[in-house]
C-alpha atoms as a PDB file:
ATOM      1  CA  ARG A   1     -48.690  54.656  71.215  1.00  0.00           C
ATOM      2  CA  THR A   2     -47.001  58.163  71.488  1.00  0.00           C
ATOM      3  CA  LEU A   3     -43.359  56.411  71.145  1.00  0.00           C
ATOM      4  CA  ALA A   4     -44.303  53.807  68.173  1.00  0.00           C
ATOM      5  CA  GLY A   5     -46.797  56.381  67.166  1.00  0.00           C
ATOM      6  CA  ALA A   6     -43.297  59.464  66.682  1.00  0.00           C
ATOM      7  CA  ILE A   7     -40.506  56.320  65.007  1.00  0.00           C
ATOM      8  CA  PHE A   8     -43.120  55.759  62.727  1.00  0.00           C
ATOM      9  CA  LEU A   9     -43.505  58.950  61.314  1.00  0.00           C
ATOM     10  CA  GLY A  10     -40.164  59.777  61.780  1.00  0.00           C
ATOM     11  CA  ALA A  11     -39.447  57.086  59.398  1.00  0.00           C
ATOM     12  CA  VAL A  12     -41.914  57.824  56.712  1.00  0.00           C
ATOM     13  CA  SER A  13     -41.378  61.369  57.203  1.00  0.00           C
ATOM     14  CA  ASP A  14     -37.133  60.638  56.832  1.00  0.00           C
ATOM     15  CA  ALA A  15     -37.561  58.230  54.435  1.00  0.00           C
ATOM     16  CA  MET A  16     -39.480  60.859  51.635  1.00  0.00           C
ATOM     17  CA  LEU A  17     -37.569  64.136  52.542  1.00  0.00           C
ATOM     18  CA  LEU A  18     -33.397  62.296  52.598  1.00  0.00           C
ATOM     19  CA  GLY A  19     -35.764  60.871  49.182  1.00  0.00           C
ATOM     20  CA  HIS A  20     -36.580  64.970  48.095  1.00  0.00           C
ATOM     21  CA  TRP A  21     -32.069  64.972  48.505  1.00  0.00           C
ATOM     22  CA  TYR A  22     -31.609  62.286  46.447  1.00  0.00           C
ATOM     23  CA  LEU A  23     -33.428  64.326  43.519  1.00  0.00           C
ATOM     24  CA  VAL A  24     -30.973  66.990  43.920  1.00  0.00           C
ATOM     25  CA  GLN A  25     -27.898  65.371  44.211  1.00  0.00           C
ATOM     26  CA  PRO A  26     -28.143  62.369  41.749  1.00  0.00           C
ATOM     27  CA  GLY A  27     -24.907  60.898  42.846  1.00  0.00           C
ATOM     28  CA  LEU A  28     -25.615  59.772  46.299  1.00  0.00           C
ATOM     29  CA  GLY A  29     -25.540  55.862  46.949  1.00  0.00           C
ATOM     30  CA  ARG A  30     -28.879  54.665  47.473  1.00  0.00           C
ATOM     31  CA  GLY A  31     -28.229  52.833  50.862  1.00  0.00           C
ATOM     32  CA  PRO A  32     -29.483  55.378  53.695  1.00  0.00           C
ATOM     33  CA  LEU A  33     -32.963  55.544  51.403  1.00  0.00           C
ATOM     34  CA  LEU A  34     -32.199  51.714  51.884  1.00  0.00           C
ATOM     35  CA  GLU A  35     -32.421  51.887  55.113  1.00  0.00           C
ATOM     36  CA  LEU A  36     -34.794  54.166  56.427  1.00  0.00           C
ATOM     37  CA  ASN A  37     -36.725  52.603  54.161  1.00  0.00           C
ATOM     38  CA  ARG A  38     -36.636  49.638  56.271  1.00  0.00           C
ATOM     39  CA  TRP A  39     -37.128  51.130  59.706  1.00  0.00           C
ATOM     40  CA  LEU A  40     -40.508  51.779  57.963  1.00  0.00           C
ATOM     41  CA  ALA A  41     -41.105  48.681  57.063  1.00  0.00           C
ATOM     42  CA  VAL A  42     -40.032  47.693  61.141  1.00  0.00           C
ATOM     43  CA  THR A  43     -41.826  49.816  63.085  1.00  0.00           C
ATOM     44  CA  TRP A  44     -45.022  49.466  60.865  1.00  0.00           C
ATOM     45  CA  PRO A  45     -46.049  46.992  62.978  1.00  0.00           C
ATOM     46  CA  LEU A  46     -45.056  48.139  66.139  1.00  0.00           C
ATOM     47  CA  GLU A  47     -47.195  51.452  64.804  1.00  0.00           C
ATOM     48  CA  VAL A  48     -50.846  48.724  63.946  1.00  0.00           C
ATOM     49  CA  ALA A  49     -50.218  46.893  67.001  1.00  0.00           C
ATOM     50  CA  VAL A  50     -49.730  49.758  69.459  1.00  0.00           C
ATOM     51  CA  LEU A  51     -52.929  51.795  67.553  1.00  0.00           C
ATOM     52  CA  LEU A  52     -55.207  47.368  67.496  1.00  0.00           C
ATOM     53  CA  TRP A  53     -54.308  46.714  71.681  1.00  0.00           C
ATOM     54  CA  PRO A  54     -57.545  47.290  73.167  1.00  0.00           C
ATOM     55  CA  THR A  55     -59.157  50.005  73.307  1.00  0.00           C
ATOM     56  CA  GLY A  56     -58.066  50.392  69.840  1.00  0.00           C
ATOM     57  CA  MET A  57     -59.064  50.492  66.482  1.00  0.00           C
ATOM     58  CA  LEU A  58     -59.721  47.099  66.807  1.00  0.00           C
ATOM     59  CA  SER A  59     -62.983  48.485  69.251  1.00  0.00           C
ATOM     60  CA  VAL A  60     -63.820  50.931  66.067  1.00  0.00           C
ATOM     61  CA  LEU A  61     -64.006  47.768  63.958  1.00  0.00           C
ATOM     62  CA  SER A  62     -66.624  45.693  66.189  1.00  0.00           C
ATOM     63  CA  GLY A  63     -68.604  48.503  66.507  1.00  0.00           C
ATOM     64  CA  THR A  64     -68.012  49.001  70.562  1.00  0.00           C
ATOM     65  CA  VAL A  65     -66.317  52.275  69.806  1.00  0.00           C
ATOM     66  CA  ASP A  66     -68.824  54.696  67.318  1.00  0.00           C
ATOM     67  CA  ASP A  67     -66.094  56.103  65.540  1.00  0.00           C
ATOM     68  CA  GLY A  68     -69.130  57.976  64.448  1.00  0.00           C
ATOM     69  CA  TRP A  69     -69.805  57.228  61.313  1.00  0.00           C
ATOM     70  CA  ASP A  70     -71.488  54.394  61.049  1.00  0.00           C
ATOM     71  CA  GLY A  71     -67.258  52.401  61.018  1.00  0.00           C
ATOM     72  CA  THR A  72     -66.412  54.600  57.409  1.00  0.00           C
ATOM     73  CA  LEU A  73     -63.291  55.338  59.955  1.00  0.00           C
ATOM     74  CA  GLY A  74     -61.819  51.831  60.478  1.00  0.00           C
ATOM     75  CA  TRP A  75     -62.297  51.078  57.527  1.00  0.00           C
ATOM     76  CA  PHE A  76     -60.192  53.568  55.926  1.00  0.00           C
ATOM     77  CA  TRP A  77     -57.720  53.401  58.745  1.00  0.00           C
ATOM     78  CA  VAL A  78     -57.312  49.745  57.504  1.00  0.00           C
ATOM     79  CA  ALA A  79     -56.987  50.872  54.277  1.00  0.00           C
ATOM     80  CA  CYS A  80     -54.306  53.145  55.977  1.00  0.00           C
ATOM     81  CA  ALA A  81     -52.242  51.597  57.328  1.00  0.00           C
ATOM     82  CA  ILE A  82     -52.056  48.161  54.060  1.00  0.00           C
ATOM     83  CA  ALA A  83     -51.405  51.011  51.639  1.00  0.00           C
ATOM     84  CA  THR A  84     -48.455  52.103  53.670  1.00  0.00           C
ATOM     85  CA  LEU A  85     -47.481  48.690  53.949  1.00  0.00           C
ATOM     86  CA  VAL A  86     -47.562  48.117  50.229  1.00  0.00           C
ATOM     87  CA  LEU A  87     -46.188  51.469  49.117  1.00  0.00           C
ATOM     88  CA  THR A  88     -42.535  51.088  51.531  1.00  0.00           C
ATOM     89  CA  ALA A  89     -42.655  47.846  49.562  1.00  0.00           C
ATOM     90  CA  VAL A  90     -42.903  49.177  45.719  1.00  0.00           C
ATOM     91  CA  THR A  91     -40.446  51.730  47.186  1.00  0.00           C
ATOM     92  CA  GLN A  92     -38.179  49.026  47.636  1.00  0.00           C
ATOM     93  CA  ALA A  93     -38.383  46.998  44.908  1.00  0.00           C
ATOM     94  CA  ALA A  94     -38.341  50.605  42.707  1.00  0.00           C
ATOM     95  CA  LEU A  95     -34.568  51.113  44.981  1.00  0.00           C
ATOM     96  CA  ARG A  96     -33.969  47.787  43.804  1.00  0.00           C
ATOM     97  CA  GLU A  97     -33.510  49.202  39.984  1.00  0.00           C
ATOM     98  CA  LYS A  98     -30.590  51.034  37.713  1.00  0.00           C
ATOM     99  CA  ALA A  99     -32.084  53.344  36.740  1.00  0.00           C
ATOM    100  CA  TYR A 100     -31.831  56.869  38.320  1.00  0.00           C
ATOM    101  CA  SER A 101     -35.660  56.987  37.019  1.00  0.00           C
ATOM    102  CA  ALA A 102     -36.562  54.917  40.125  1.00  0.00           C
ATOM    103  CA  VAL A 103     -35.510  57.506  42.861  1.00  0.00           C
ATOM    104  CA  MET A 104     -37.993  59.644  41.184  1.00  0.00           C
ATOM    105  CA  ALA A 105     -40.491  56.689  41.716  1.00  0.00           C
ATOM    106  CA  ALA A 106     -39.311  56.255  44.972  1.00  0.00           C
ATOM    107  CA  THR A 107     -39.042  59.509  46.263  1.00  0.00           C
ATOM    108  CA  GLY A 108     -42.697  59.762  45.037  1.00  0.00           C
ATOM    109  CA  LEU A 109     -44.508  56.732  46.295  1.00  0.00           C
ATOM    110  CA  LEU A 110     -42.382  57.447  50.039  1.00  0.00           C
ATOM    111  CA  TYR A 111     -44.700  61.048  49.335  1.00  0.00           C
ATOM    112  CA  LEU A 112     -47.485  58.651  49.029  1.00  0.00           C
ATOM    113  CA  ALA A 113     -46.614  56.875  51.754  1.00  0.00           C
ATOM    114  CA  ILE A 114     -46.358  59.902  53.599  1.00  0.00           C
ATOM    115  CA  LEU A 115     -49.546  60.740  53.501  1.00  0.00           C
ATOM    116  CA  THR A 116     -51.369  57.152  54.344  1.00  0.00           C
ATOM    117  CA  ALA A 117     -48.567  56.713  57.434  1.00  0.00           C
ATOM    118  CA  PHE A 118     -50.465  60.031  59.067  1.00  0.00           C
ATOM    119  CA  GLY A 119     -53.625  58.660  57.677  1.00  0.00           C
ATOM    120  CA  THR A 120     -52.629  55.494  59.625  1.00  0.00           C
ATOM    121  CA  ASP A 121     -51.402  57.617  63.074  1.00  0.00           C
ATOM    122  CA  LEU A 122     -53.965  60.379  62.959  1.00  0.00           C
ATOM    123  CA  VAL A 123     -57.327  58.299  62.305  1.00  0.00           C
ATOM    124  CA  ALA A 124     -56.946  56.168  64.738  1.00  0.00           C
ATOM    125  CA  ARG A 125     -56.195  59.093  67.303  1.00  0.00           C
ATOM    126  CA  ALA A 126     -58.618  61.081  66.399  1.00  0.00           C
ATOM    127  CA  VAL A 127     -61.412  58.067  66.559  1.00  0.00           C
ATOM    128  CA  LEU A 128     -60.014  57.133  70.324  1.00  0.00           C
ATOM    129  CA  ALA A 129     -59.884  60.684  71.917  1.00  0.00           C
END
C-alpha cells in the first residue's frame, strides 16, 4: 500500500506542479504533462485495488469495519476515487485542445485531482489504521 500510494500521489503531485510550470513557460510542449497524466491514470487502478484488498475499504463499505461515521467515510472514499479518475480523463481531454487556455484548465483540474487523490489515499489509511 505504501509503494502504490507513493507512486499514485507522486504522479498527481508532479503533474500539477508541472502544469504550474507550463503557466509561466507557455511555449513548452505538452508531451511531458500528457505523460504524467497517463501515469496518474495507470496508477489509479493499482492504488484503488490495494486499498480495497482485505482488510480494506470493501470491509468499510460492507460494514465489517466501523469508520465511526456510519459508513460515510467509506462513501466519501468512493467519491474521491471516482472523482480522481474523472478529473484525469477531463484533464487529458483539455490538453488535446490547441488553445493555451487548455493548459490553464488542465492545471486547475490537476489541482482538484490532488485534493481527491489525497482523499483517496488518506481517508482509507485513516479508517483502516
